[in-house]
Amino acid sequence: PGFSFLLFFSVYCQDVIQDPVISWKLKTESAEMKCSHKKDISHTQMYWYRQRPGETMTLVVYTPFRGQPDYGENLQSKYSAVKDTVETGALTVKDLQPDDSGVYFCAVSKHSDVRKHNS
């Protein structure tokens, strides 16, 4: 049986840096991507998105600083996100499969005190 290689791209945006830029991994391995930003310390929230070829971007996980990651409908057995500091965070994709290939984007935003109201 031949090896199955998976390709990951991350992108550089102004004030937001991702590492590595390109990553090749074997099937069933894990891939870790790191993100850091140079914005002010009010930017405490981090979002990880994935874009598969020919598809739109989808949210993988939201990670607030000093809070629990929100994986939404994504399985925590597939993804692991950490946010150790205001400026840095990381996403790990576990048990890599062909569907996991794509471009992964990191975005940051400011903390908001907006609450959901029951209506």
PDB file of N, CA and C in Angstrom:
ATOM      1  N   PRO A   1       0.827  -1.200   0.000  1.00  0.00           N
ATOM      2  CA  PRO A   1       0.000   0.000   0.000  1.00  0.00           C
ATOM      3  C   PRO A   1       0.859   1.247   0.000  1.00  0.00           C
ATOM      4  N   GLY A   2       0.455   2.236  -0.796  1.00  0.00           N
ATOM      5  CA  GLY A   2       1.218   3.476  -0.884  1.00  0.00           C
ATOM      6  C   GLY A   2       0.878   4.421   0.255  1.00  0.00           C
ATOM      7  N   PHE A   3       1.740   5.392   0.437  1.00  0.00           N
ATOM      8  CA  PHE A   3       1.504   6.403   1.469  1.00  0.00           C
ATOM      9  C   PHE A   3       0.478   7.412   0.974  1.00  0.00           C
ATOM     10  N   SER A   4      -0.281   7.928   1.892  1.00  0.00           N
ATOM     11  CA  SER A   4      -1.235   8.987   1.564  1.00  0.00           C
ATOM     12  C   SER A   4      -0.785  10.271   2.258  1.00  0.00           C
ATOM     13  N   PHE A   5      -0.373  11.255   1.465  1.00  0.00           N
ATOM     14  CA  PHE A   5       0.087  12.522   2.023  1.00  0.00           C
ATOM     15  C   PHE A   5      -1.035  13.545   1.987  1.00  0.00           C
ATOM     16  N   LEU A   6      -1.131  14.321   3.041  1.00  0.00           N
ATOM     17  CA  LEU A   6      -2.136  15.372   3.124  1.00  0.00           C
ATOM     18  C   LEU A   6      -1.438  16.719   3.152  1.00  0.00           C
ATOM     19  N   LEU A   7      -2.002  17.688   2.460  1.00  0.00           N
ATOM     20  CA  LEU A   7      -1.381  19.008   2.337  1.00  0.00           C
ATOM     21  C   LEU A   7      -2.221  20.053   3.057  1.00  0.00           C
ATOM     22  N   PHE A   8      -1.540  20.844   3.882  1.00  0.00           N
ATOM     23  CA  PHE A   8      -2.196  21.923   4.612  1.00  0.00           C
ATOM     24  C   PHE A   8      -1.529  23.235   4.267  1.00  0.00           C
ATOM     25  N   PHE A   9      -2.331  24.246   4.024  1.00  0.00           N
ATOM     26  CA  PHE A   9      -1.827  25.602   3.835  1.00  0.00           C
ATOM     27  C   PHE A   9      -2.377  26.468   4.949  1.00  0.00           C
ATOM     28  N   SER A  10      -1.578  27.376   5.441  1.00  0.00           N
ATOM     29  CA  SER A  10      -2.120  28.428   6.284  1.00  0.00           C
ATOM     30  C   SER A  10      -1.747  29.742   5.621  1.00  0.00           C
ATOM     31  N   VAL A  11      -2.374  30.810   6.058  1.00  0.00           N
ATOM     32  CA  VAL A  11      -2.178  32.079   5.365  1.00  0.00           C
ATOM     33  C   VAL A  11      -1.660  33.151   6.305  1.00  0.00           C
ATOM     34  N   TYR A  12      -0.980  34.130   5.725  1.00  0.00           N
ATOM     35  CA  TYR A  12      -0.492  35.274   6.488  1.00  0.00           C
ATOM     36  C   TYR A  12      -1.380  36.469   6.196  1.00  0.00           C
ATOM     37  N   CYS A  13      -1.905  37.058   7.239  1.00  0.00           N
ATOM     38  CA  CYS A  13      -2.672  38.289   7.108  1.00  0.00           C
ATOM     39  C   CYS A  13      -1.975  39.359   7.937  1.00  0.00           C
ATOM     40  N   GLN A  14      -2.304  40.594   7.681  1.00  0.00           N
ATOM     41  CA  GLN A  14      -1.679  41.681   8.417  1.00  0.00           C
ATOM     42  C   GLN A  14      -1.900  41.498   9.921  1.00  0.00           C
ATOM     43  N   ASP A  15      -0.828  41.516  10.669  1.00  0.00           N
ATOM     44  CA  ASP A  15      -0.838  41.405  12.128  1.00  0.00           C
ATOM     45  C   ASP A  15      -1.216  40.019  12.648  1.00  0.00           C
ATOM     46  N   VAL A  16      -1.502  39.060  11.771  1.00  0.00           N
ATOM     47  CA  VAL A  16      -1.819  37.702  12.204  1.00  0.00           C
ATOM     48  C   VAL A  16      -0.893  36.741  11.471  1.00  0.00           C
ATOM     49  N   ILE A  17      -0.145  35.949  12.227  1.00  0.00           N
ATOM     50  CA  ILE A  17       0.884  35.088  11.651  1.00  0.00           C
ATOM     51  C   ILE A  17       0.561  33.639  11.957  1.00  0.00           C
ATOM     52  N   GLN A  18       0.623  32.784  10.952  1.00  0.00           N
ATOM     53  CA  GLN A  18       0.390  31.358  11.152  1.00  0.00           C
ATOM     54  C   GLN A  18       1.648  30.570  10.808  1.00  0.00           C
ATOM     55  N   ASP A  19       1.816  29.458  11.504  1.00  0.00           N
ATOM     56  CA  ASP A  19       2.986  28.619  11.314  1.00  0.00           C
ATOM     57  C   ASP A  19       2.574  27.155  11.499  1.00  0.00           C
ATOM     58  N   PRO A  20       2.946  26.234  10.626  1.00  0.00           N
ATOM     59  CA  PRO A  20       3.723  26.444   9.404  1.00  0.00           C
ATOM     60  C   PRO A  20       2.841  26.972   8.270  1.00  0.00           C
ATOM     61  N   VAL A  21       3.491  27.504   7.238  1.00  0.00           N
ATOM     62  CA  VAL A  21       2.750  28.000   6.078  1.00  0.00           C
ATOM     63  C   VAL A  21       2.240  26.828   5.242  1.00  0.00           C
ATOM     64  N   ILE A  22       3.090  25.823   5.041  1.00  0.00           N
ATOM     65  CA  ILE A  22       2.695  24.618   4.314  1.00  0.00           C
ATOM     66  C   ILE A  22       3.118  23.411   5.135  1.00  0.00           C
ATOM     67  N   SER A  23       2.263  22.418   5.224  1.00  0.00           N
ATOM     68  CA  SER A  23       2.574  21.227   6.006  1.00  0.00           C
ATOM     69  C   SER A  23       2.117  19.983   5.252  1.00  0.00           C
ATOM     70  N   TRP A  24       3.034  19.025   5.132  1.00  0.00           N
ATOM     71  CA  TRP A  24       2.706  17.724   4.556  1.00  0.00           C
ATOM     72  C   TRP A  24       2.679  16.710   5.690  1.00  0.00           C
ATOM     73  N   LYS A  25       1.623  15.917   5.769  1.00  0.00           N
ATOM     74  CA  LYS A  25       1.509  14.924   6.829  1.00  0.00           C
ATOM     75  C   LYS A  25       1.006  13.608   6.256  1.00  0.00           C
ATOM     76  N   LEU A  26       1.386  12.519   6.925  1.00  0.00           N
ATOM     77  CA  LEU A  26       0.888  11.206   6.539  1.00  0.00           C
ATOM     78  C   LEU A  26      -0.518  10.991   7.097  1.00  0.00           C
ATOM     79  N   LYS A  27      -1.285  10.189   6.384  1.00  0.00           N
ATOM     80  CA  LYS A  27      -2.605   9.806   6.853  1.00  0.00           C
ATOM     81  C   LYS A  27      -2.501   9.186   8.246  1.00  0.00           C
ATOM     82  N   THR A  28      -3.465   9.490   9.096  1.00  0.00           N
ATOM     83  CA  THR A  28      -3.603   9.061  10.499  1.00  0.00           C
ATOM     84  C   THR A  28      -2.683   9.816  11.463  1.00  0.00           C
ATOM     85  N   GLU A  29      -1.770  10.631  10.949  1.00  0.00           N
ATOM     86  CA  GLU A  29      -0.960  11.464  11.829  1.00  0.00           C
ATOM     87  C   GLU A  29      -1.791  12.648  12.317  1.00  0.00           C
ATOM     88  N   SER A  30      -1.161  13.494  13.134  1.00  0.00           N
ATOM     89  CA  SER A  30      -1.787  14.742  13.572  1.00  0.00           C
ATOM     90  C   SER A  30      -1.026  15.911  12.979  1.00  0.00           C
ATOM     91  N   ALA A  31      -1.734  17.009  12.763  1.00  0.00           N
ATOM     92  CA  ALA A  31      -1.102  18.232  12.254  1.00  0.00           C
ATOM     93  C   ALA A  31      -1.418  19.369  13.209  1.00  0.00           C
ATOM     94  N   GLU A  32      -0.371  20.060  13.683  1.00  0.00           N
ATOM     95  CA  GLU A  32      -0.569  21.211  14.561  1.00  0.00           C
ATOM     96  C   GLU A  32      -0.258  22.485  13.801  1.00  0.00           C
ATOM     97  N   MET A  33      -1.149  23.465  13.943  1.00  0.00           N
ATOM     98  CA  MET A  33      -0.950  24.776  13.345  1.00  0.00           C
ATOM     99  C   MET A  33      -0.993  25.818  14.442  1.00  0.00           C
ATOM    100  N   LYS A  34      -0.062  26.745  14.418  1.00  0.00           N
ATOM    101  CA  LYS A  34       0.007  27.788  15.435  1.00  0.00           C
ATOM    102  C   LYS A  34      -0.368  29.132  14.831  1.00  0.00           C
ATOM    103  N   CYS A  35      -0.918  29.993  15.672  1.00  0.00           N
ATOM    104  CA  CYS A  35      -1.332  31.312  15.232  1.00  0.00           C
ATOM    105  C   CYS A  35      -0.945  32.327  16.299  1.00  0.00           C
ATOM    106  N   SER A  36      -0.446  33.466  15.851  1.00  0.00           N
ATOM    107  CA  SER A  36      -0.148  34.555  16.787  1.00  0.00           C
ATOM    108  C   SER A  36      -0.543  35.871  16.130  1.00  0.00           C
ATOM    109  N   HIS A  37      -0.751  36.884  16.969  1.00  0.00           N
ATOM    110  CA  HIS A  37      -1.118  38.184  16.409  1.00  0.00           C
ATOM    111  C   HIS A  37      -0.384  39.305  17.122  1.00  0.00           C
ATOM    112  N   LYS A  38      -0.308  40.435  16.445  1.00  0.00           N
ATOM    113  CA  LYS A  38       0.380  41.606  16.974  1.00  0.00           C
ATOM    114  C   LYS A  38      -0.598  42.749  17.249  1.00  0.00           C
ATOM    115  N   LYS A  39      -1.872  42.397  17.330  1.00  0.00           N
ATOM    116  CA  LYS A  39      -2.876  43.416  17.639  1.00  0.00           C
ATOM    117  C   LYS A  39      -2.865  43.689  19.144  1.00  0.00           C
ATOM    118  N   ASP A  40      -3.695  44.618  19.599  1.00  0.00           N
ATOM    119  CA  ASP A  40      -3.666  44.940  21.024  1.00  0.00           C
ATOM    120  C   ASP A  40      -4.310  43.834  21.854  1.00  0.00           C
ATOM    121  N   ILE A  41      -4.132  43.920  23.178  1.00  0.00           N
ATOM    122  CA  ILE A  41      -4.523  42.818  24.055  1.00  0.00           C
ATOM    123  C   ILE A  41      -6.034  42.660  24.194  1.00  0.00           C
ATOM    124  N   SER A  42      -6.807  43.566  23.599  1.00  0.00           N
ATOM    125  CA  SER A  42      -8.265  43.385  23.627  1.00  0.00           C
ATOM    126  C   SER A  42      -8.710  42.312  22.626  1.00  0.00           C
ATOM    127  N   HIS A  43      -7.815  41.910  21.723  1.00  0.00           N
ATOM    128  CA  HIS A  43      -8.139  40.857  20.746  1.00  0.00           C
ATOM    129  C   HIS A  43      -7.902  39.494  21.403  1.00  0.00           C
ATOM    130  N   THR A  44      -8.864  39.060  22.208  1.00  0.00           N
ATOM    131  CA  THR A  44      -8.704  37.857  23.027  1.00  0.00           C
ATOM    132  C   THR A  44      -9.341  36.621  22.406  1.00  0.00           C
ATOM    133  N   GLN A  45     -10.102  36.795  21.335  1.00  0.00           N
ATOM    134  CA  GLN A  45     -10.835  35.671  20.751  1.00  0.00           C
ATOM    135  C   GLN A  45     -10.173  35.205  19.456  1.00  0.00           C
ATOM    136  N   MET A  46     -10.114  33.889  19.286  1.00  0.00           N
ATOM    137  CA  MET A  46      -9.477  33.314  18.104  1.00  0.00           C
ATOM    138  C   MET A  46     -10.443  32.346  17.427  1.00  0.00           C
ATOM    139  N   TYR A  47     -10.474  32.414  16.103  1.00  0.00           N
ATOM    140  CA  TYR A  47     -11.340  31.561  15.298  1.00  0.00           C
ATOM    141  C   TYR A  47     -10.478  30.793  14.295  1.00  0.00           C
ATOM    142  N   TRP A  48     -10.754  29.512  14.147  1.00  0.00           N
ATOM    143  CA  TRP A  48     -10.074  28.694  13.143  1.00  0.00           C
ATOM    144  C   TRP A  48     -11.087  28.265  12.095  1.00  0.00           C
ATOM    145  N   TYR A  49     -10.755  28.502  10.832  1.00  0.00           N
ATOM    146  CA  TYR A  49     -11.614  28.131   9.714  1.00  0.00           C
ATOM    147  C   TYR A  49     -10.874  27.162   8.795  1.00  0.00           C
ATOM    148  N   ARG A  50     -11.642  26.325   8.101  1.00  0.00           N
ATOM    149  CA  ARG A  50     -11.065  25.427   7.101  1.00  0.00           C
ATOM    150  C   ARG A  50     -11.772  25.662   5.776  1.00  0.00           C
ATOM    151  N   GLN A  51     -10.982  25.670   4.702  1.00  0.00           N
ATOM    152  CA  GLN A  51     -11.557  25.770   3.359  1.00  0.00           C
ATOM    153  C   GLN A  51     -11.010  24.636   2.515  1.00  0.00           C
ATOM    154  N   ARG A  52     -11.904  23.744   2.107  1.00  0.00           N
ATOM    155  CA  ARG A  52     -11.518  22.668   1.197  1.00  0.00           C
ATOM    156  C   ARG A  52     -11.546  23.194  -0.224  1.00  0.00           C
ATOM    157  N   PRO A  53     -10.801  22.555  -1.122  1.00  0.00           N
ATOM    158  CA  PRO A  53     -10.783  23.006  -2.520  1.00  0.00           C
ATOM    159  C   PRO A  53     -12.192  23.070  -3.105  1.00  0.00           C
ATOM    160  N   GLY A  54     -12.531  24.214  -3.689  1.00  0.00           N
ATOM    161  CA  GLY A  54     -13.824  24.374  -4.325  1.00  0.00           C
ATOM    162  C   GLY A  54     -14.987  24.593  -3.388  1.00  0.00           C
ATOM    163  N   GLU A  55     -14.710  24.745  -2.084  1.00  0.00           N
ATOM    164  CA  GLU A  55     -15.779  24.936  -1.109  1.00  0.00           C
ATOM    165  C   GLU A  55     -15.619  26.266  -0.388  1.00  0.00           C
ATOM    166  N   THR A  56     -16.669  26.672   0.321  1.00  0.00           N
ATOM    167  CA  THR A  56     -16.592  27.895   1.109  1.00  0.00           C
ATOM    168  C   THR A  56     -15.911  27.604   2.450  1.00  0.00           C
ATOM    169  N   MET A  57     -15.531  28.667   3.138  1.00  0.00           N
ATOM    170  CA  MET A  57     -14.861  28.546   4.418  1.00  0.00           C
ATOM    171  C   MET A  57     -15.871  28.151   5.505  1.00  0.00           C
ATOM    172  N   THR A  58     -15.473  27.242   6.384  1.00  0.00           N
ATOM    173  CA  THR A  58     -16.340  26.843   7.495  1.00  0.00           C
ATOM    174  C   THR A  58     -15.578  26.985   8.809  1.00  0.00           C
ATOM    175  N   LEU A  59     -16.302  27.344   9.868  1.00  0.00           N
ATOM    176  CA  LEU A  59     -15.695  27.505  11.179  1.00  0.00           C
ATOM    177  C   LEU A  59     -15.427  26.143  11.800  1.00  0.00           C
ATOM    178  N   VAL A  60     -14.194  25.949  12.252  1.00  0.00           N
ATOM    179  CA  VAL A  60     -13.820  24.699  12.916  1.00  0.00           C
ATOM    180  C   VAL A  60     -13.998  24.835  14.420  1.00  0.00           C
ATOM    181  N   VAL A  61     -13.442  25.907  14.990  1.00  0.00           N
ATOM    182  CA  VAL A  61     -13.504  26.077  16.444  1.00  0.00           C
ATOM    183  C   VAL A  61     -13.301  27.545  16.802  1.00  0.00           C
ATOM    184  N   TYR A  62     -13.950  27.951  17.875  1.00  0.00           N
ATOM    185  CA  TYR A  62     -13.796  29.290  18.438  1.00  0.00           C
ATOM    186  C   TYR A  62     -13.127  29.130  19.802  1.00  0.00           C
ATOM    187  N   THR A  63     -12.056  29.870  20.041  1.00  0.00           N
ATOM    188  CA  THR A  63     -11.335  29.741  21.303  1.00  0.00           C
ATOM    189  C   THR A  63     -11.184  31.098  21.975  1.00  0.00           C
ATOM    190  N   PRO A  64     -11.907  31.311  23.072  1.00  0.00           N
ATOM    191  CA  PRO A  64     -11.696  32.542  23.839  1.00  0.00           C
ATOM    192  C   PRO A  64     -10.531  32.353  24.798  1.00  0.00           C
ATOM    193  N   PHE A  65      -9.821  33.413  25.099  1.00  0.00           N
ATOM    194  CA  PHE A  65      -8.744  33.343  26.080  1.00  0.00           C
ATOM    195  C   PHE A  65      -9.344  33.065  27.459  1.00  0.00           C
ATOM    196  N   ARG A  66      -8.776  32.088  28.152  1.00  0.00           N
ATOM    197  CA  ARG A  66      -9.238  31.667  29.479  1.00  0.00           C
ATOM    198  C   ARG A  66     -10.670  31.148  29.453  1.00  0.00           C
ATOM    199  N   GLY A  67     -11.069  30.583  28.335  1.00  0.00           N
ATOM    200  CA  GLY A  67     -12.403  29.994  28.231  1.00  0.00           C
ATOM    201  C   GLY A  67     -12.328  28.651  27.519  1.00  0.00           C
ATOM    202  N   GLN A  68     -13.444  27.950  27.485  1.00  0.00           N
ATOM    203  CA  GLN A  68     -13.488  26.652  26.832  1.00  0.00           C
ATOM    204  C   GLN A  68     -13.682  26.815  25.326  1.00  0.00           C
ATOM    205  N   PRO A  69     -12.937  26.054  24.522  1.00  0.00           N
ATOM    206  CA  PRO A  69     -13.150  26.109  23.069  1.00  0.00           C
ATOM    207  C   PRO A  69     -14.564  25.645  22.714  1.00  0.00           C
ATOM    208  N   ASP A  70     -15.130  26.260  21.683  1.00  0.00           N
ATOM    209  CA  ASP A  70     -16.453  25.876  21.190  1.00  0.00           C
ATOM    210  C   ASP A  70     -16.272  25.242  19.820  1.00  0.00           C
ATOM    211  N   TYR A  71     -16.451  23.916  19.763  1.00  0.00           N
ATOM    212  CA  TYR A  71     -16.252  23.181  18.519  1.00  0.00           C
ATOM    213  C   TYR A  71     -17.524  23.116  17.682  1.00  0.00           C
ATOM    214  N   GLY A  72     -18.622  23.662  18.181  1.00  0.00           N
ATOM    215  CA  GLY A  72     -19.873  23.618  17.436  1.00  0.00           C
ATOM    216  C   GLY A  72     -20.279  22.185  17.171  1.00  0.00           C
ATOM    217  N   GLU A  73     -20.548  21.885  15.913  1.00  0.00           N
ATOM    218  CA  GLU A  73     -20.938  20.527  15.544  1.00  0.00           C
ATOM    219  C   GLU A  73     -19.735  19.647  15.226  1.00  0.00           C
ATOM    220  N   ASN A  74     -18.534  20.218  15.288  1.00  0.00           N
ATOM    221  CA  ASN A  74     -17.334  19.448  15.006  1.00  0.00           C
ATOM    222  C   ASN A  74     -16.963  18.587  16.216  1.00  0.00           C
ATOM    223  N   LEU A  75     -16.416  17.420  15.951  1.00  0.00           N
ATOM    224  CA  LEU A  75     -16.072  16.496  17.020  1.00  0.00           C
ATOM    225  C   LEU A  75     -14.770  16.898  17.694  1.00  0.00           C
ATOM    226  N   GLN A  76     -14.775  16.891  19.032  1.00  0.00           N
ATOM    227  CA  GLN A  76     -13.552  17.198  19.748  1.00  0.00           C
ATOM    228  C   GLN A  76     -12.538  16.062  19.600  1.00  0.00           C
ATOM    229  N   SER A  77     -13.007  14.879  19.189  1.00  0.00           N
ATOM    230  CA  SER A  77     -12.071  13.785  18.932  1.00  0.00           C
ATOM    231  C   SER A  77     -11.253  14.046  17.673  1.00  0.00           C
ATOM    232  N   LYS A  78     -11.708  14.962  16.821  1.00  0.00           N
ATOM    233  CA  LYS A  78     -10.997  15.296  15.578  1.00  0.00           C
ATOM    234  C   LYS A  78     -10.108  16.517  15.755  1.00  0.00           C
ATOM    235  N   TYR A  79     -10.569  17.493  16.540  1.00  0.00           N
ATOM    236  CA  TYR A  79      -9.836  18.756  16.694  1.00  0.00           C
ATOM    237  C   TYR A  79      -9.504  19.013  18.157  1.00  0.00           C
ATOM    238  N   SER A  80      -8.391  19.680  18.351  1.00  0.00           N
ATOM    239  CA  SER A  80      -8.013  20.137  19.680  1.00  0.00           C
ATOM    240  C   SER A  80      -7.458  21.551  19.549  1.00  0.00           C
ATOM    241  N   ALA A  81      -8.062  22.492  20.256  1.00  0.00           N
ATOM    242  CA  ALA A  81      -7.630  23.885  20.173  1.00  0.00           C
ATOM    243  C   ALA A  81      -7.199  24.373  21.549  1.00  0.00           C
ATOM    244  N   VAL A  82      -6.132  25.165  21.571  1.00  0.00           N
ATOM    245  CA  VAL A  82      -5.661  25.765  22.820  1.00  0.00           C
ATOM    246  C   VAL A  82      -5.411  27.249  22.577  1.00  0.00           C
ATOM    247  N   LYS A  83      -5.573  28.020  23.626  1.00  0.00           N
ATOM    248  CA  LYS A  83      -5.267  29.451  23.581  1.00  0.00           C
ATOM    249  C   LYS A  83      -4.597  29.806  24.901  1.00  0.00           C
ATOM    250  N   ASP A  84      -3.279  29.666  24.927  1.00  0.00           N
ATOM    251  CA  ASP A  84      -2.517  29.824  26.159  1.00  0.00           C
ATOM    252  C   ASP A  84      -2.333  31.280  26.560  1.00  0.00           C
ATOM    253  N   THR A  85      -2.242  32.167  25.589  1.00  0.00           N
ATOM    254  CA  THR A  85      -2.055  33.580  25.870  1.00  0.00           C
ATOM    255  C   THR A  85      -2.996  34.388  24.989  1.00  0.00           C
ATOM    256  N   VAL A  86      -3.113  35.685  25.260  1.00  0.00           N
ATOM    257  CA  VAL A  86      -3.939  36.556  24.425  1.00  0.00           C
ATOM    258  C   VAL A  86      -3.412  36.567  22.994  1.00  0.00           C
ATOM    259  N   GLU A  87      -2.086  36.507  22.842  1.00  0.00           N
ATOM    260  CA  GLU A  87      -1.474  36.664  21.515  1.00  0.00           C
ATOM    261  C   GLU A  87      -1.321  35.372  20.724  1.00  0.00           C
ATOM    262  N   THR A  88      -1.450  34.210  21.367  1.00  0.00           N
ATOM    263  CA  THR A  88      -1.140  32.964  20.669  1.00  0.00           C
ATOM    264  C   THR A  88      -2.230  31.908  20.856  1.00  0.00           C
ATOM    265  N   GLY A  89      -2.274  30.987  19.914  1.00  0.00           N
ATOM    266  CA  GLY A  89      -3.178  29.851  19.990  1.00  0.00           C
ATOM    267  C   GLY A  89      -2.719  28.775  19.020  1.00  0.00           C
ATOM    268  N   ALA A  90      -3.337  27.604  19.106  1.00  0.00           N
ATOM    269  CA  ALA A  90      -2.951  26.496  18.229  1.00  0.00           C
ATOM    270  C   ALA A  90      -4.148  25.599  17.970  1.00  0.00           C
ATOM    271  N   LEU A  91      -4.137  24.993  16.804  1.00  0.00           N
ATOM    272  CA  LEU A  91      -5.155  24.023  16.413  1.00  0.00           C
ATOM    273  C   LEU A  91      -4.449  22.739  16.006  1.00  0.00           C
ATOM    274  N   THR A  92      -4.928  21.608  16.516  1.00  0.00           N
ATOM    275  CA  THR A  92      -4.424  20.303  16.105  1.00  0.00           C
ATOM    276  C   THR A  92      -5.549  19.523  15.451  1.00  0.00           C
ATOM    277  N   VAL A  93      -5.265  18.991  14.262  1.00  0.00           N
ATOM    278  CA  VAL A  93      -6.201  18.114  13.565  1.00  0.00           C
ATOM    279  C   VAL A  93      -5.677  16.695  13.743  1.00  0.00           C
ATOM    280  N   LYS A  94      -6.501  15.845  14.344  1.00  0.00           N
ATOM    281  CA  LYS A  94      -6.059  14.504  14.704  1.00  0.00           C
ATOM    282  C   LYS A  94      -6.553  13.454  13.711  1.00  0.00           C
ATOM    283  N   ASP A  95      -5.854  12.325  13.668  1.00  0.00           N
ATOM    284  CA  ASP A  95      -6.233  11.192  12.810  1.00  0.00           C
ATOM    285  C   ASP A  95      -6.549  11.669  11.397  1.00  0.00           C
ATOM    286  N   LEU A  96      -5.546  12.238  10.749  1.00  0.00           N
ATOM    287  CA  LEU A  96      -5.734  12.892   9.459  1.00  0.00           C
ATOM    288  C   LEU A  96      -6.284  11.958   8.392  1.00  0.00           C
ATOM    289  N   GLN A  97      -7.265  12.480   7.676  1.00  0.00           N
ATOM    290  CA  GLN A  97      -7.891  11.774   6.570  1.00  0.00           C
ATOM    291  C   GLN A  97      -7.918  12.709   5.365  1.00  0.00           C
ATOM    292  N   PRO A  98      -8.119  12.178   4.147  1.00  0.00           N
ATOM    293  CA  PRO A  98      -8.095  13.030   2.955  1.00  0.00           C
ATOM    294  C   PRO A  98      -9.017  14.250   3.045  1.00  0.00           C
ATOM    295  N   ASP A  99     -10.175  14.114   3.688  1.00  0.00           N
ATOM    296  CA  ASP A  99     -11.113  15.235   3.817  1.00  0.00           C
ATOM    297  C   ASP A  99     -10.559  16.385   4.660  1.00  0.00           C
ATOM    298  N   ASP A 100      -9.516  16.110   5.434  1.00  0.00           N
ATOM    299  CA  ASP A 100      -8.943  17.150   6.293  1.00  0.00           C
ATOM    300  C   ASP A 100      -8.010  18.086   5.542  1.00  0.00           C
ATOM    301  N   SER A 101      -7.626  17.717   4.326  1.00  0.00           N
ATOM    302  CA  SER A 101      -6.757  18.579   3.535  1.00  0.00           C
ATOM    303  C   SER A 101      -7.467  19.876   3.204  1.00  0.00           C
ATOM    304  N   GLY A 102      -6.715  20.964   3.151  1.00  0.00           N
ATOM    305  CA  GLY A 102      -7.309  22.239   2.792  1.00  0.00           C
ATOM    306  C   GLY A 102      -6.497  23.399   3.316  1.00  0.00           C
ATOM    307  N   VAL A 103      -7.106  24.576   3.242  1.00  0.00           N
ATOM    308  CA  VAL A 103      -6.481  25.790   3.753  1.00  0.00           C
ATOM    309  C   VAL A 103      -7.120  26.110   5.093  1.00  0.00           C
ATOM    310  N   TYR A 104      -6.291  26.309   6.102  1.00  0.00           N
ATOM    311  CA  TYR A 104      -6.767  26.631   7.442  1.00  0.00           C
ATOM    312  C   TYR A 104      -6.442  28.090   7.746  1.00  0.00           C
ATOM    313  N   PHE A 105      -7.459  28.827   8.172  1.00  0.00           N
ATOM    314  CA  PHE A 105      -7.305  30.250   8.452  1.00  0.00           C
ATOM    315  C   PHE A 105      -7.493  30.500   9.946  1.00  0.00           C
ATOM    316  N   CYS A 106      -6.697  31.381  10.465  1.00  0.00           N
ATOM    317  CA  CYS A 106      -6.850  31.847  11.835  1.00  0.00           C
ATOM    318  C   CYS A 106      -7.287  33.302  11.794  1.00  0.00           C
ATOM    319  N   ALA A 107      -8.258  33.660  12.626  1.00  0.00           N
ATOM    320  CA  ALA A 107      -8.696  35.049  12.731  1.00  0.00           C
ATOM    321  C   ALA A 107      -8.825  35.407  14.202  1.00  0.00           C
ATOM    322  N   VAL A 108      -8.622  36.675  14.514  1.00  0.00           N
ATOM    323  CA  VAL A 108      -8.772  37.133  15.895  1.00  0.00           C
ATOM    324  C   VAL A 108      -9.756  38.293  15.938  1.00  0.00           C
ATOM    325  N   SER A 109     -10.400  38.447  17.083  1.00  0.00           N
ATOM    326  CA  SER A 109     -11.325  39.562  17.251  1.00  0.00           C
ATOM    327  C   SER A 109     -11.300  40.031  18.698  1.00  0.00           C
ATOM    328  N   LYS A 110     -11.875  41.199  18.918  1.00  0.00           N
ATOM    329  CA  LYS A 110     -11.919  41.773  20.251  1.00  0.00           C
ATOM    330  C   LYS A 110     -12.970  41.090  21.102  1.00  0.00           C
ATOM    331  N   HIS A 111     -12.741  41.129  22.413  1.00  0.00           N
ATOM    332  CA  HIS A 111     -13.721  40.622  23.356  1.00  0.00           C
ATOM    333  C   HIS A 111     -14.986  41.465  23.274  1.00  0.00           C
ATOM    334  N   SER A 112     -16.129  40.796  23.402  1.00  0.00           N
ATOM    335  CA  SER A 112     -17.401  41.515  23.369  1.00  0.00           C
ATOM    336  C   SER A 112     -18.248  41.105  24.580  1.00  0.00           C
ATOM    337  N   ASP A 113     -18.935  42.070  25.164  1.00  0.00           N
ATOM    338  CA  ASP A 113     -19.814  41.780  26.284  1.00  0.00           C
ATOM    339  C   ASP A 113     -21.259  41.544  25.852  1.00  0.00           C
ATOM    340  N   VAL A 114     -21.471  41.407  24.555  1.00  0.00           N
ATOM    341  CA  VAL A 114     -22.824  41.176  24.053  1.00  0.00           C
ATOM    342  C   VAL A 114     -23.330  39.839  24.562  1.00  0.00           C
ATOM    343  N   ARG A 115     -24.512  39.824  25.118  1.00  0.00           N
ATOM    344  CA  ARG A 115     -25.124  38.603  25.629  1.00  0.00           C
ATOM    345  C   ARG A 115     -26.351  38.251  24.792  1.00  0.00           C
ATOM    346  N   LYS A 116     -26.662  36.954  24.744  1.00  0.00           N
ATOM    347  CA  LYS A 116     -27.881  36.544  24.056  1.00  0.00           C
ATOM    348  C   LYS A 116     -29.067  36.807  24.982  1.00  0.00           C
ATOM    349  N   HIS A 117     -30.138  37.344  24.427  1.00  0.00           N
ATOM    350  CA  HIS A 117     -31.326  37.624  25.213  1.00  0.00           C
ATOM    351  C   HIS A 117     -32.439  36.659  24.823  1.00  0.00           C
ATOM    352  N   ASN A 118     -33.127  36.141  25.833  1.00  0.00           N
ATOM    353  CA  ASN A 118     -34.253  35.264  25.554  1.00  0.00           C
ATOM    354  C   ASN A 118     -35.433  36.116  25.078  1.00  0.00           C
ATOM    355  N   SER A 119     -36.106  35.672  24.036  1.00  0.00           N
ATOM    356  CA  SER A 119     -37.249  36.449  23.542  1.00  0.00           C
ATOM    357  C   SER A 119     -38.500  35.593  23.513  1.00  0.00           C
TER     358      SER A 119
END
